[in-house]
Amino acid sequence: MEIRLIDAIGPFFRDYPLVRINWSKIPFEHLATTGPARRLQWDRIREDMKRFAEQVAAVGYNAVSLDDVIHLVDHDHTPEIRDRIAVFQEEYRVLFTILREAGLQIFLTQDVLSYTPEMRLRFGTGAEDASAFLRELVERCFLGFPEVAGLILRIGESDGLDVKGDFRSELVIRTAADVRRLLREILPVFESAGKTLIFRTWTVGAYSVGDLLWHRRTLARALKGIRSDALVLSMKYGESDFFRHLPLNRNFFGTGRKTLIELQARREYEGSGEFPAFVGHDYERYAAELREAGNLVGFSVWCQTGGWVPFRRLAYIDGQAVWTEINAFVSLRIFAHRESVEVAVQECARHMDLPDGEAVLELLRLSEEVVKELLYFEDYAREKIYFRRIRIPPLVEVYWHTIFVHQSIRKLLGHFARDRQAAVRTARQALRKLERMEELARRSGLPVEDIGFMKDTLGILALAREFFMGPDNEEIRRRIQRAKAVYRKKYTHRPRYRISVNFRRFEDPGRVTRWLIKNLFRTRPGYRILDRIFVLHLLSLFYRLVKRRRPGWIPEFVRDSAMGIDVIFR
């Protein structure tokens, strides 16, 4: 594999004061640029980066990603912003030296496009203006930092609603034609400089390019006529975010372009490294399938990036992120060396000096089973459901670090349940596997307390499964409330999951609402006439009307988290 890439943002989160952290990008507003605080903070970042670089290079990675171009390129900014950029340039040059001395190539990320409010007014937010402005940024970046190997562009997601600071990104690439214009504008810069453009196809459903991740025709239109040795397409392994129960994204096949697969070691929807959520067998299957494509030139492993959670273990830095580091090691061995899961885990055990490789292998296999059987509800997770330009995630009862025990979830999962009693039995059997995992953790020298946290957390989900699949009575409600209280008290002094309980009965919808639900969602990726006329267009107008006149109808957690639900109605 030419590119064995891992994200290197962890050092910038040391002592970050927020409880719930946005791990999607370096928090630049948290970085000191003046006074004694600057030297204290950046010296610590250097130390952490050196440790990180040495460890990931020893594992076998040859490249890292860091945020981002807009914070490193001088422009016609206000004096205050130019002063901050000058500090970032100075400090990053030292970090780049550390990374290059460890034998690592450097890739910088960039959203299309990030602005200050003044820049937004001056340059506008049209795709043509954005492409021209980005070309200028790229030229200045390569001129100022010749040691950078290339850039990673994201066009389908922008900064979350909580992002503060000098710059904020927003979506300006809205059509396949916009993508072509952008690539034609900037690829010559990469070609002449001998740099690599890693172009991410990740999208969250906004605008007509919002299905670029999974829709073959949209991807084909976006790449029509684009041929360049400097271009590498980067795709997530499935048609949605980093979830389980997803088949391999078929866009890997038939593009005729060099591709890179995106993987996640710190599982943002599965504990964020607080407990084992092994990925080996899923990734082994993807790797085997991708050999048929013949165009994979590398992989990108997210070991820190992603999610809005309070969990704060720093991979390859603080010594606490063992489960993430195991996933990162095994992922590399599977894709770079074509090793089986069994061989990769044994190599990992030797590398981490763990005394019993067989115990590690069994523990990881059980963790994978428990996550699939208990964190996910398999009857629902295996369904293919599309809404507008997105594939609905196969996980609904857990959203980052919140577990939802709601009547609406009960209604939804009950609709897909094939055998309710079997579903409850599966949850109970999964909990018993956790008891075996505690024994294996002791034998293998891995943190037993993490398995205990996993057992207590997923124990709530096992109770929720009883509520979802069984009768709704006072007895199960009391058990859930009691377990929630015990859990909160037990984990007062460490990051934990939030348990959201709502037993208010969810009334059966009326005939019109039932018809809408049935017709808004589809089980095939292709668009129906109804989708083109109503779901993709008229529904957007209806949503904006509801938001303006009945904002309380939109749940707060989807309205105010990440980019907000507004984005999928664009």
Protein backbone atom coordinates (compact mmCIF):
# COMPACT_ATOMS: atom_id res chain seq x y z
CA MET A 1 0.00 0.00 0.00
CA GLU A 2 1.46 3.32 -1.08
CA ILE A 3 -0.49 5.34 1.51
CA ARG A 4 -0.84 4.07 5.09
CA LEU A 5 -2.42 7.12 6.68
CA ILE A 6 -3.45 7.85 10.26
CA ASP A 7 -4.80 11.06 11.80
CA ALA A 8 -2.48 12.94 14.16
CA ILE A 9 -4.82 15.44 15.86
CA GLY A 10 -4.64 13.89 19.34
CA PRO A 11 -1.83 16.11 20.72
CA PHE A 12 -3.99 19.21 20.24
CA PHE A 13 -6.67 17.97 22.64
CA ARG A 14 -4.50 17.67 25.73
CA ASP A 15 -6.23 19.43 28.67
CA TYR A 16 -9.10 20.58 26.46
CA PRO A 17 -11.58 21.98 29.03
CA LEU A 18 -14.92 21.09 27.42
CA VAL A 19 -16.88 18.14 28.82
CA ARG A 20 -18.40 17.10 25.51
CA ILE A 21 -15.73 17.38 22.86
CA ASN A 22 -16.12 17.81 19.12
CA TRP A 23 -13.45 15.43 17.81
CA SER A 24 -14.03 16.32 14.16
CA LYS A 25 -11.26 18.89 13.88
CA ILE A 26 -8.44 20.47 15.89
CA PRO A 27 -9.95 23.10 18.25
CA PHE A 28 -7.88 26.02 17.00
CA GLU A 29 -9.61 28.46 19.33
CA HIS A 30 -8.09 26.47 22.22
CA LEU A 31 -4.53 26.96 20.99
CA ALA A 32 -2.56 29.74 22.70
CA THR A 33 -0.65 32.13 20.44
CA THR A 34 0.63 34.72 22.94
CA GLY A 35 2.24 34.93 26.34
CA PRO A 36 3.66 32.16 28.56
CA ALA A 37 0.64 29.94 27.82
CA ARG A 38 1.78 29.58 24.22
CA ARG A 39 5.16 28.08 25.05
CA LEU A 40 3.72 25.81 27.75
CA GLN A 41 1.01 24.43 25.47
CA TRP A 42 3.01 24.05 22.29
CA ASP A 43 5.95 22.40 24.06
CA ARG A 44 3.50 19.81 25.34
CA ILE A 45 2.07 19.37 21.84
CA ARG A 46 5.59 18.79 20.52
CA GLU A 47 6.28 16.14 23.15
CA ASP A 48 3.00 14.38 22.44
CA MET A 49 3.54 14.57 18.68
CA LYS A 50 7.01 13.05 18.98
CA ARG A 51 5.64 10.16 21.00
CA PHE A 52 2.74 9.72 18.59
CA ALA A 53 4.97 9.83 15.50
CA GLU A 54 7.44 7.30 16.87
CA GLN A 55 4.71 4.86 17.82
CA VAL A 56 2.65 4.96 14.63
CA ALA A 57 5.80 4.70 12.51
CA ALA A 58 6.85 1.65 14.54
CA VAL A 59 3.48 0.06 13.82
CA GLY A 60 3.95 0.61 10.08
CA TYR A 61 2.09 3.80 9.15
CA ASN A 62 3.89 6.04 6.67
CA ALA A 63 1.69 9.16 6.61
CA VAL A 64 -0.37 11.35 8.92
CA SER A 65 -3.17 13.87 8.49
CA LEU A 66 -3.43 17.21 10.29
CA ASP A 67 -5.92 20.10 10.22
CA ASP A 68 -5.87 22.33 8.15
CA VAL A 69 -4.81 24.54 5.23
CA ILE A 70 -6.87 27.65 6.02
CA HIS A 71 -5.15 28.10 9.41
CA LEU A 72 -1.67 27.89 7.87
CA VAL A 73 -1.90 30.11 4.79
CA ASP A 74 -1.62 33.86 5.09
CA HIS A 75 -4.15 35.95 3.25
CA ASP A 76 -5.63 39.42 3.35
CA HIS A 77 -6.97 38.91 6.87
CA THR A 78 -7.31 41.26 9.79
CA PRO A 79 -4.04 41.90 11.69
CA GLU A 80 -5.21 39.73 14.60
CA ILE A 81 -5.87 36.72 12.38
CA ARG A 82 -2.61 37.20 10.47
CA ASP A 83 -0.70 37.23 13.75
CA ARG A 84 -2.35 33.96 14.81
CA ILE A 85 -1.62 32.35 11.46
CA ALA A 86 2.03 33.39 11.75
CA VAL A 87 2.21 31.56 15.10
CA PHE A 88 0.54 28.46 13.67
CA GLN A 89 3.00 28.50 10.76
CA GLU A 90 5.97 28.71 13.11
CA GLU A 91 4.75 25.99 15.43
CA TYR A 92 3.61 23.65 12.64
CA ARG A 93 7.03 23.81 10.98
CA VAL A 94 8.50 22.29 14.15
CA LEU A 95 5.79 19.60 14.19
CA PHE A 96 6.44 18.87 10.52
CA THR A 97 10.11 18.35 11.29
CA ILE A 98 9.21 15.90 14.05
CA LEU A 99 6.93 13.95 11.70
CA ARG A 100 9.41 13.88 8.82
CA GLU A 101 12.22 12.71 11.12
CA ALA A 102 9.97 9.78 12.07
CA GLY A 103 9.65 8.90 8.38
CA LEU A 104 6.06 10.09 8.02
CA GLN A 105 4.55 11.97 5.11
CA ILE A 106 2.27 14.90 5.94
CA PHE A 107 -1.21 15.51 4.53
CA LEU A 108 -3.24 18.57 5.47
CA THR A 109 -7.03 18.56 5.52
CA GLN A 110 -9.27 21.26 4.09
CA ASP A 111 -13.02 21.76 3.91
CA VAL A 112 -14.42 23.35 0.76
CA LEU A 113 -14.63 26.00 1.94
CA SER A 114 -13.67 27.80 5.16
CA TYR A 115 -14.19 31.53 5.57
CA THR A 116 -14.05 34.38 7.98
CA PRO A 117 -17.22 36.50 7.83
CA GLU A 118 -15.28 39.17 5.93
CA MET A 119 -13.96 36.65 3.41
CA ARG A 120 -17.45 35.29 2.87
CA LEU A 121 -18.72 38.72 1.92
CA ARG A 122 -15.71 39.53 -0.23
CA PHE A 123 -15.38 36.30 -2.20
CA GLY A 124 -18.94 34.98 -2.11
CA THR A 125 -19.93 31.34 -1.67
CA GLY A 126 -20.45 30.28 -5.27
CA ALA A 127 -18.68 27.14 -6.45
CA GLU A 128 -16.73 28.96 -9.16
CA ASP A 129 -15.42 31.59 -6.75
CA ALA A 130 -14.65 28.91 -4.16
CA SER A 131 -12.66 26.86 -6.69
CA ALA A 132 -10.55 29.84 -7.70
CA PHE A 133 -9.95 30.85 -4.10
CA LEU A 134 -9.03 27.28 -3.12
CA ARG A 135 -6.53 27.10 -5.96
CA GLU A 136 -4.83 30.19 -4.55
CA LEU A 137 -4.78 28.66 -1.06
CA VAL A 138 -3.26 25.42 -2.36
CA GLU A 139 -0.56 27.27 -4.30
CA ARG A 140 0.38 29.31 -1.22
CA CYS A 141 0.34 26.19 0.96
CA PHE A 142 2.75 24.25 -1.26
CA LEU A 143 4.99 27.30 -1.61
CA GLY A 144 5.14 27.85 2.15
CA PHE A 145 5.30 24.20 3.16
CA PRO A 146 7.09 22.17 0.47
CA GLU A 147 7.42 19.27 2.93
CA VAL A 148 3.65 18.64 2.73
CA ALA A 149 2.93 15.58 0.56
CA GLY A 150 -0.62 16.54 -0.31
CA LEU A 151 -4.06 17.62 0.83
CA ILE A 152 -7.25 15.85 1.90
CA LEU A 153 -10.34 17.69 0.65
CA ARG A 154 -13.82 17.33 2.18
CA ILE A 155 -16.67 18.77 0.15
CA GLY A 156 -19.71 17.04 1.67
CA GLU A 157 -19.61 18.03 5.36
CA SER A 158 -18.82 21.33 7.05
CA ASP A 159 -18.01 22.38 10.60
CA GLY A 160 -20.47 21.51 13.35
CA LEU A 161 -22.74 24.12 14.88
CA ASP A 162 -20.48 24.32 17.94
CA VAL A 163 -17.30 25.29 16.08
CA LYS A 164 -15.93 28.67 17.11
CA GLY A 165 -12.89 30.62 16.01
CA ASP A 166 -11.59 32.72 13.14
CA PHE A 167 -12.73 30.42 10.34
CA ARG A 168 -15.86 28.41 9.76
CA SER A 169 -16.51 26.06 6.86
CA GLU A 170 -19.72 25.71 4.89
CA LEU A 171 -20.89 23.65 1.94
CA VAL A 172 -20.29 25.38 -1.39
CA ILE A 173 -19.91 22.36 -3.71
CA ARG A 174 -23.51 21.43 -4.43
CA THR A 175 -23.61 19.58 -7.75
CA ALA A 176 -21.59 17.05 -9.71
CA ALA A 177 -20.70 19.87 -12.10
CA ASP A 178 -19.30 21.84 -9.14
CA VAL A 179 -17.07 18.89 -8.29
CA ARG A 180 -15.72 18.72 -11.85
CA ARG A 181 -15.07 22.45 -11.88
CA LEU A 182 -13.23 22.24 -8.57
CA LEU A 183 -11.05 19.31 -9.63
CA ARG A 184 -10.19 20.86 -12.99
CA GLU A 185 -9.23 24.08 -11.23
CA ILE A 186 -6.93 22.65 -8.58
CA LEU A 187 -5.51 19.39 -9.97
CA PRO A 188 -2.96 21.18 -12.19
CA VAL A 189 -1.48 22.70 -9.03
CA PHE A 190 -0.97 19.24 -7.53
CA GLU A 191 0.43 17.84 -10.75
CA SER A 192 2.98 20.62 -11.23
CA ALA A 193 4.06 20.44 -7.57
CA GLY A 194 4.25 16.62 -7.50
CA LYS A 195 1.67 16.46 -4.70
CA THR A 196 -1.29 14.15 -4.05
CA LEU A 197 -4.92 15.23 -3.80
CA ILE A 198 -6.96 12.88 -1.63
CA PHE A 199 -10.55 13.70 -2.52
CA ARG A 200 -13.11 12.46 0.03
CA THR A 201 -16.47 11.30 -1.30
CA TRP A 202 -18.02 11.53 2.18
CA THR A 203 -21.29 13.47 2.12
CA VAL A 204 -24.17 13.95 4.55
CA GLY A 205 -26.99 14.28 2.05
CA ALA A 206 -26.96 18.01 1.33
CA TYR A 207 -27.79 19.28 -2.17
CA SER A 208 -27.76 17.17 -5.32
CA VAL A 209 -24.18 16.01 -4.68
CA GLY A 210 -25.24 14.72 -1.24
CA ASP A 211 -25.39 11.11 -2.44
CA LEU A 212 -21.83 11.16 -3.85
CA LEU A 213 -20.82 8.62 -1.20
CA TRP A 214 -22.98 5.79 -2.53
CA HIS A 215 -24.69 6.76 -5.80
CA ARG A 216 -22.77 5.46 -8.80
CA ARG A 217 -24.23 7.91 -11.30
CA THR A 218 -23.49 10.94 -9.14
CA LEU A 219 -19.88 9.81 -8.69
CA ALA A 220 -19.55 9.09 -12.42
CA ARG A 221 -20.90 12.53 -13.32
CA ALA A 222 -18.58 14.20 -10.81
CA LEU A 223 -15.51 12.46 -12.28
CA LYS A 224 -16.44 12.64 -15.96
CA GLY A 225 -13.41 13.70 -17.93
CA ILE A 226 -11.20 13.94 -14.82
CA ARG A 227 -7.96 11.99 -15.23
CA SER A 228 -4.90 12.68 -13.14
CA ASP A 229 -2.18 10.63 -11.48
CA ALA A 230 -2.31 13.17 -8.65
CA LEU A 231 -5.90 12.23 -7.72
CA VAL A 232 -6.83 9.60 -5.14
CA LEU A 233 -10.48 8.99 -4.22
CA SER A 234 -11.11 8.39 -0.52
CA MET A 235 -14.26 6.48 0.47
CA LYS A 236 -15.75 5.21 3.70
CA TYR A 237 -16.18 1.45 3.67
CA GLY A 238 -19.98 1.54 3.69
CA GLU A 239 -22.83 3.65 2.35
CA SER A 240 -23.19 5.41 5.70
CA ASP A 241 -20.90 6.48 8.53
CA PHE A 242 -18.64 4.11 10.50
CA PHE A 243 -21.31 1.60 11.53
CA ARG A 244 -21.59 -2.19 11.58
CA HIS A 245 -23.81 -4.40 9.42
CA LEU A 246 -22.88 -2.48 6.26
CA PRO A 247 -21.83 -4.15 3.02
CA LEU A 248 -18.81 -2.77 1.20
CA ASN A 249 -19.49 0.47 -0.68
CA ARG A 250 -19.89 -0.53 -4.36
CA ASN A 251 -18.43 2.81 -5.47
CA PHE A 252 -15.02 1.22 -4.95
CA PHE A 253 -15.63 -0.72 -8.14
CA GLY A 254 -15.70 0.64 -11.66
CA THR A 255 -14.29 4.15 -11.19
CA GLY A 256 -10.96 3.41 -12.86
CA ARG A 257 -9.29 5.76 -10.37
CA LYS A 258 -6.87 5.17 -7.55
CA THR A 259 -8.82 4.74 -4.31
CA LEU A 260 -8.20 4.78 -0.60
CA ILE A 261 -10.52 3.18 1.98
CA GLU A 262 -11.40 5.04 5.17
CA LEU A 263 -11.46 2.96 8.37
CA GLN A 264 -12.07 3.86 12.00
CA ALA A 265 -10.11 2.48 14.93
CA ARG A 266 -11.60 4.74 17.62
CA ARG A 267 -15.21 3.73 17.10
CA GLU A 268 -17.17 6.93 17.63
CA TYR A 269 -20.56 5.17 17.86
CA GLU A 270 -19.24 2.21 19.86
CA GLY A 271 -17.64 3.61 23.00
CA SER A 272 -14.91 5.77 21.42
CA GLY A 273 -12.20 3.51 22.77
CA GLU A 274 -13.55 3.26 26.34
CA PHE A 275 -14.12 -0.47 25.83
CA PRO A 276 -13.21 -3.01 23.14
CA ALA A 277 -15.15 -2.76 19.88
CA PHE A 278 -12.99 -4.92 17.63
CA VAL A 279 -13.17 -4.37 13.85
CA GLY A 280 -10.87 -7.13 12.61
CA HIS A 281 -13.29 -9.55 11.01
CA ASP A 282 -15.31 -6.83 9.24
CA TYR A 283 -12.13 -5.26 7.86
CA GLU A 284 -10.74 -8.62 6.80
CA ARG A 285 -13.87 -9.18 4.72
CA TYR A 286 -13.65 -5.71 3.14
CA ALA A 287 -9.97 -6.22 2.29
CA ALA A 288 -10.70 -9.53 0.56
CA GLU A 289 -13.50 -7.99 -1.52
CA LEU A 290 -11.38 -4.99 -2.51
CA ARG A 291 -8.72 -7.19 -4.08
CA GLU A 292 -11.16 -7.69 -6.93
CA ALA A 293 -11.30 -3.94 -7.56
CA GLY A 294 -7.55 -3.75 -8.12
CA ASN A 295 -7.33 0.02 -7.64
CA LEU A 296 -6.77 0.36 -3.88
CA VAL A 297 -3.55 2.29 -3.23
CA GLY A 298 -3.92 2.78 0.50
CA PHE A 299 -6.05 3.25 3.55
CA SER A 300 -6.81 5.94 6.08
CA VAL A 301 -7.38 5.01 9.72
CA TRP A 302 -9.10 7.47 12.05
CA CYS A 303 -7.64 6.88 15.50
CA GLN A 304 -8.89 10.10 17.13
CA THR A 305 -11.11 11.99 14.70
CA GLY A 306 -14.90 11.80 14.78
CA GLY A 307 -17.88 12.28 17.06
CA TRP A 308 -19.16 14.56 19.80
CA VAL A 309 -18.46 12.68 23.04
CA PRO A 310 -16.98 13.21 26.53
CA PHE A 311 -14.60 10.27 26.14
CA ARG A 312 -11.07 11.62 25.88
CA ARG A 313 -8.47 8.86 25.63
CA LEU A 314 -5.65 9.92 23.30
CA ALA A 315 -4.35 7.23 20.97
CA TYR A 316 -0.57 6.64 21.12
CA ILE A 317 -0.19 9.44 23.65
CA ASP A 318 -1.64 8.86 27.12
CA GLY A 319 -1.25 5.08 27.39
CA GLN A 320 -5.00 4.62 27.95
CA ALA A 321 -6.25 4.07 24.39
CA VAL A 322 -5.35 0.39 24.18
CA TRP A 323 -8.54 -0.70 22.37
CA THR A 324 -8.12 1.97 19.71
CA GLU A 325 -4.46 1.09 19.26
CA ILE A 326 -5.30 -2.60 18.85
CA ASN A 327 -7.81 -1.74 16.13
CA ALA A 328 -5.29 0.55 14.41
CA PHE A 329 -2.57 -2.12 14.48
CA VAL A 330 -4.81 -4.91 13.20
CA SER A 331 -6.30 -2.69 10.49
CA LEU A 332 -2.85 -1.94 9.13
CA ARG A 333 -1.74 -5.58 9.19
CA ILE A 334 -4.88 -6.71 7.36
CA PHE A 335 -4.66 -4.13 4.58
CA ALA A 336 -0.91 -3.57 4.26
CA HIS A 337 0.29 -7.15 4.78
CA ARG A 338 -2.83 -9.17 3.86
CA GLU A 339 -2.68 -10.99 7.17
CA SER A 340 -5.60 -12.88 8.64
CA VAL A 341 -7.22 -11.57 11.81
CA GLU A 342 -5.63 -14.40 13.78
CA VAL A 343 -2.11 -13.61 12.60
CA ALA A 344 -2.61 -9.85 12.95
CA VAL A 345 -3.83 -10.17 16.56
CA GLN A 346 -0.91 -12.42 17.49
CA GLU A 347 1.48 -9.85 16.00
CA CYS A 348 -0.32 -7.13 17.93
CA ALA A 349 -0.01 -9.06 21.20
CA ARG A 350 3.74 -9.42 20.62
CA HIS A 351 4.10 -5.76 19.70
CA MET A 352 2.22 -4.64 22.84
CA ASP A 353 4.01 -7.23 25.00
CA LEU A 354 0.76 -8.93 26.07
CA PRO A 355 1.34 -12.32 27.71
CA ASP A 356 -1.43 -14.43 26.13
CA GLY A 357 -2.18 -13.84 22.46
CA GLU A 358 -4.88 -16.52 22.34
CA ALA A 359 -6.75 -14.85 25.19
CA VAL A 360 -6.50 -11.51 23.40
CA LEU A 361 -7.89 -13.05 20.22
CA GLU A 362 -10.86 -14.61 22.00
CA LEU A 363 -11.58 -11.41 23.94
CA LEU A 364 -11.58 -9.33 20.76
CA ARG A 365 -13.78 -11.80 18.92
CA LEU A 366 -16.30 -11.75 21.76
CA SER A 367 -16.25 -7.94 21.86
CA GLU A 368 -17.12 -7.86 18.17
CA GLU A 369 -20.02 -10.23 18.75
CA VAL A 370 -21.32 -8.31 21.76
CA VAL A 371 -21.27 -4.99 19.93
CA LYS A 372 -23.13 -6.42 16.94
CA GLU A 373 -25.68 -8.30 19.03
CA LEU A 374 -26.39 -5.84 21.82
CA LEU A 375 -25.36 -2.33 20.79
CA TYR A 376 -27.12 -2.92 17.47
CA PHE A 377 -30.51 -4.57 16.96
CA GLU A 378 -29.67 -6.88 14.09
CA ASP A 379 -33.18 -7.25 12.65
CA TYR A 380 -33.24 -3.50 12.02
CA ALA A 381 -29.51 -3.01 11.35
CA ARG A 382 -29.53 -5.35 8.35
CA GLU A 383 -32.30 -3.41 6.63
CA LYS A 384 -31.38 -1.05 3.79
CA ILE A 385 -33.40 2.14 4.28
CA TYR A 386 -32.90 5.37 2.35
CA PHE A 387 -34.33 8.82 2.99
CA ARG A 388 -33.69 11.53 0.44
CA ARG A 389 -29.95 11.29 -0.35
CA ILE A 390 -28.75 9.36 2.70
CA ARG A 391 -28.77 5.77 3.84
CA ILE A 392 -30.37 5.69 7.29
CA PRO A 393 -27.84 4.51 9.92
CA PRO A 394 -28.25 0.94 11.19
CA LEU A 395 -27.98 2.18 14.79
CA VAL A 396 -30.87 4.21 16.24
CA GLU A 397 -30.99 3.48 19.96
CA VAL A 398 -27.49 4.93 20.53
CA TYR A 399 -26.35 8.32 19.24
CA TRP A 400 -22.69 8.92 20.09
CA HIS A 401 -22.74 8.80 23.93
CA THR A 402 -26.52 8.84 24.45
CA ILE A 403 -28.67 5.74 24.89
CA PHE A 404 -32.32 6.34 24.01
CA VAL A 405 -34.96 4.33 25.82
CA HIS A 406 -37.92 5.95 24.10
CA GLN A 407 -41.36 4.85 23.02
CA SER A 408 -40.59 6.00 19.47
CA ILE A 409 -37.55 3.67 19.31
CA ARG A 410 -39.70 0.88 20.74
CA LYS A 411 -42.21 1.42 17.97
CA LEU A 412 -39.56 1.46 15.26
CA LEU A 413 -37.58 -1.59 16.36
CA GLY A 414 -40.75 -3.52 17.11
CA HIS A 415 -41.80 -3.02 13.50
CA PHE A 416 -38.67 -4.81 12.25
CA ALA A 417 -38.50 -7.53 14.92
CA ARG A 418 -38.75 -11.03 13.47
CA ASP A 419 -38.80 -12.85 16.81
CA ARG A 420 -39.13 -10.63 19.88
CA GLN A 421 -38.31 -13.30 22.43
CA ALA A 422 -35.23 -14.37 20.48
CA ALA A 423 -34.09 -10.74 20.41
CA VAL A 424 -34.26 -10.55 24.21
CA ARG A 425 -32.42 -13.87 24.55
CA THR A 426 -29.67 -12.61 22.24
CA ALA A 427 -29.18 -9.56 24.47
CA ARG A 428 -28.94 -11.69 27.62
CA GLN A 429 -26.49 -14.10 26.00
CA ALA A 430 -24.35 -11.16 24.90
CA LEU A 431 -24.14 -9.96 28.51
CA ARG A 432 -22.91 -13.39 29.60
CA LYS A 433 -20.12 -13.14 27.02
CA LEU A 434 -18.92 -10.05 28.88
CA GLU A 435 -18.31 -12.17 31.98
CA ARG A 436 -15.99 -14.35 29.92
CA MET A 437 -14.32 -11.23 28.53
CA GLU A 438 -13.43 -10.11 32.06
CA GLU A 439 -11.61 -13.41 32.63
CA LEU A 440 -9.77 -13.07 29.33
CA ALA A 441 -8.76 -9.48 30.10
CA ARG A 442 -7.11 -10.66 33.34
CA ARG A 443 -5.22 -13.40 31.48
CA SER A 444 -4.06 -11.10 28.70
CA GLY A 445 -3.03 -8.10 30.79
CA LEU A 446 -5.70 -5.80 29.37
CA PRO A 447 -7.77 -3.37 31.49
CA VAL A 448 -10.48 -5.36 33.26
CA GLU A 449 -12.22 -2.20 34.46
CA ASP A 450 -12.99 -1.30 30.84
CA ILE A 451 -14.86 -4.57 30.42
CA GLY A 452 -16.77 -3.73 33.60
CA PHE A 453 -17.74 -0.35 32.16
CA MET A 454 -18.80 -2.06 28.95
CA LYS A 455 -20.90 -4.56 30.90
CA ASP A 456 -22.64 -1.85 32.93
CA THR A 457 -23.28 0.31 29.86
CA LEU A 458 -24.56 -2.48 27.65
CA GLY A 459 -26.54 -3.80 30.60
CA ILE A 460 -28.72 -0.70 30.17
CA LEU A 461 -29.16 -1.65 26.53
CA ALA A 462 -30.13 -5.19 27.49
CA LEU A 463 -32.86 -3.76 29.70
CA ALA A 464 -33.86 -1.43 26.89
CA ARG A 465 -34.13 -4.48 24.61
CA GLU A 466 -36.65 -5.99 27.05
CA PHE A 467 -38.63 -2.76 26.95
CA PHE A 468 -38.46 -2.54 23.16
CA MET A 469 -39.42 -6.17 22.56
CA GLY A 470 -41.63 -7.00 25.57
CA PRO A 471 -44.61 -5.57 27.41
CA ASP A 472 -44.54 -1.96 28.52
CA ASN A 473 -45.36 -2.21 32.20
CA GLU A 474 -44.37 -0.59 35.49
CA GLU A 475 -41.99 -3.40 36.38
CA ILE A 476 -39.67 -2.90 33.37
CA ARG A 477 -39.90 0.87 33.72
CA ARG A 478 -38.78 0.67 37.37
CA ARG A 479 -35.90 -1.64 36.48
CA ILE A 480 -34.67 0.75 33.80
CA GLN A 481 -34.92 3.82 36.05
CA ARG A 482 -33.17 1.99 38.88
CA ALA A 483 -30.36 0.80 36.59
CA LYS A 484 -29.97 4.33 35.22
CA ALA A 485 -29.60 5.75 38.75
CA VAL A 486 -27.05 3.09 39.75
CA TYR A 487 -25.07 3.65 36.55
CA ARG A 488 -24.94 7.43 37.01
CA LYS A 489 -23.81 7.12 40.62
CA LYS A 490 -21.18 4.48 39.86
CA TYR A 491 -19.59 6.53 37.07
CA THR A 492 -19.71 10.01 38.57
CA HIS A 493 -15.96 10.49 38.24
CA ARG A 494 -15.36 9.23 34.71
CA PRO A 495 -16.92 9.94 31.30
CA ARG A 496 -20.00 7.80 30.79
CA TYR A 497 -23.01 7.40 28.58
CA ARG A 498 -26.06 9.58 28.98
CA ILE A 499 -29.28 7.60 29.41
CA SER A 500 -32.31 9.36 27.91
CA VAL A 501 -35.59 7.79 29.06
CA ASN A 502 -39.02 8.73 27.75
CA PHE A 503 -41.88 6.37 28.53
CA ARG A 504 -44.58 8.66 27.19
CA ARG A 505 -46.66 6.51 24.90
CA PHE A 506 -46.20 6.99 21.21
CA GLU A 507 -49.62 7.07 19.67
CA ASP A 508 -50.26 5.20 16.45
CA PRO A 509 -50.10 7.69 13.59
CA GLY A 510 -53.15 8.49 11.58
CA ARG A 511 -53.77 7.20 8.09
CA VAL A 512 -52.12 10.18 6.38
CA THR A 513 -49.04 10.00 8.63
CA ARG A 514 -48.70 6.25 8.07
CA TRP A 515 -48.85 6.82 4.32
CA LEU A 516 -46.19 9.52 4.56
CA ILE A 517 -43.84 7.33 6.58
CA LYS A 518 -44.29 4.46 4.16
CA ASN A 519 -43.58 6.62 1.13
CA LEU A 520 -40.89 8.96 2.48
CA PHE A 521 -38.51 6.06 3.03
CA ARG A 522 -37.40 3.49 0.47
CA THR A 523 -35.49 0.22 0.55
CA ARG A 524 -33.60 0.68 -2.73
CA PRO A 525 -30.95 3.30 -3.48
CA GLY A 526 -32.58 4.44 -6.72
CA TYR A 527 -34.96 7.40 -6.66
CA ARG A 528 -38.66 6.93 -7.39
CA ILE A 529 -40.82 9.48 -9.17
CA LEU A 530 -42.29 10.30 -5.75
CA ASP A 531 -38.79 11.04 -4.45
CA ARG A 532 -37.90 13.35 -7.32
CA ILE A 533 -41.14 15.32 -7.13
CA PHE A 534 -41.96 15.37 -3.43
CA VAL A 535 -39.26 13.94 -1.13
CA LEU A 536 -36.31 15.81 -2.67
CA HIS A 537 -38.04 19.10 -3.39
CA LEU A 538 -41.44 19.84 -1.88
CA LEU A 539 -40.47 18.20 1.43
CA SER A 540 -37.64 20.72 1.82
CA LEU A 541 -40.13 23.55 1.60
CA PHE A 542 -42.40 21.82 4.09
CA TYR A 543 -39.50 21.33 6.53
CA ARG A 544 -38.55 25.00 6.38
CA LEU A 545 -42.18 25.93 7.06
CA VAL A 546 -42.33 23.61 10.10
CA LYS A 547 -39.01 24.90 11.42
CA ARG A 548 -40.24 28.48 11.23
CA ARG A 549 -43.74 27.96 12.63
CA ARG A 550 -43.39 24.84 14.83
CA PRO A 551 -39.72 24.62 15.90
CA GLY A 552 -40.68 22.51 18.93
CA TRP A 553 -41.62 19.66 16.60
CA ILE A 554 -37.93 19.16 15.75
CA PRO A 555 -36.06 17.28 18.55
CA GLU A 556 -33.29 19.33 20.12
CA PHE A 557 -30.65 16.62 19.85
CA VAL A 558 -30.94 16.48 16.03
CA ARG A 559 -31.51 20.21 15.65
CA ASP A 560 -28.46 21.37 17.61
CA SER A 561 -25.87 18.59 17.25
CA ALA A 562 -23.18 18.23 14.57
CA MET A 563 -24.32 20.19 11.48
CA GLY A 564 -27.96 19.94 12.53
CA ILE A 565 -30.74 18.13 10.74
CA ASP A 566 -31.25 21.13 8.44
CA VAL A 567 -28.45 19.87 6.23
CA ILE A 568 -30.29 16.82 4.90
CA PHE A 569 -33.18 19.00 3.70
CA ARG A 570 -30.97 21.18 1.50
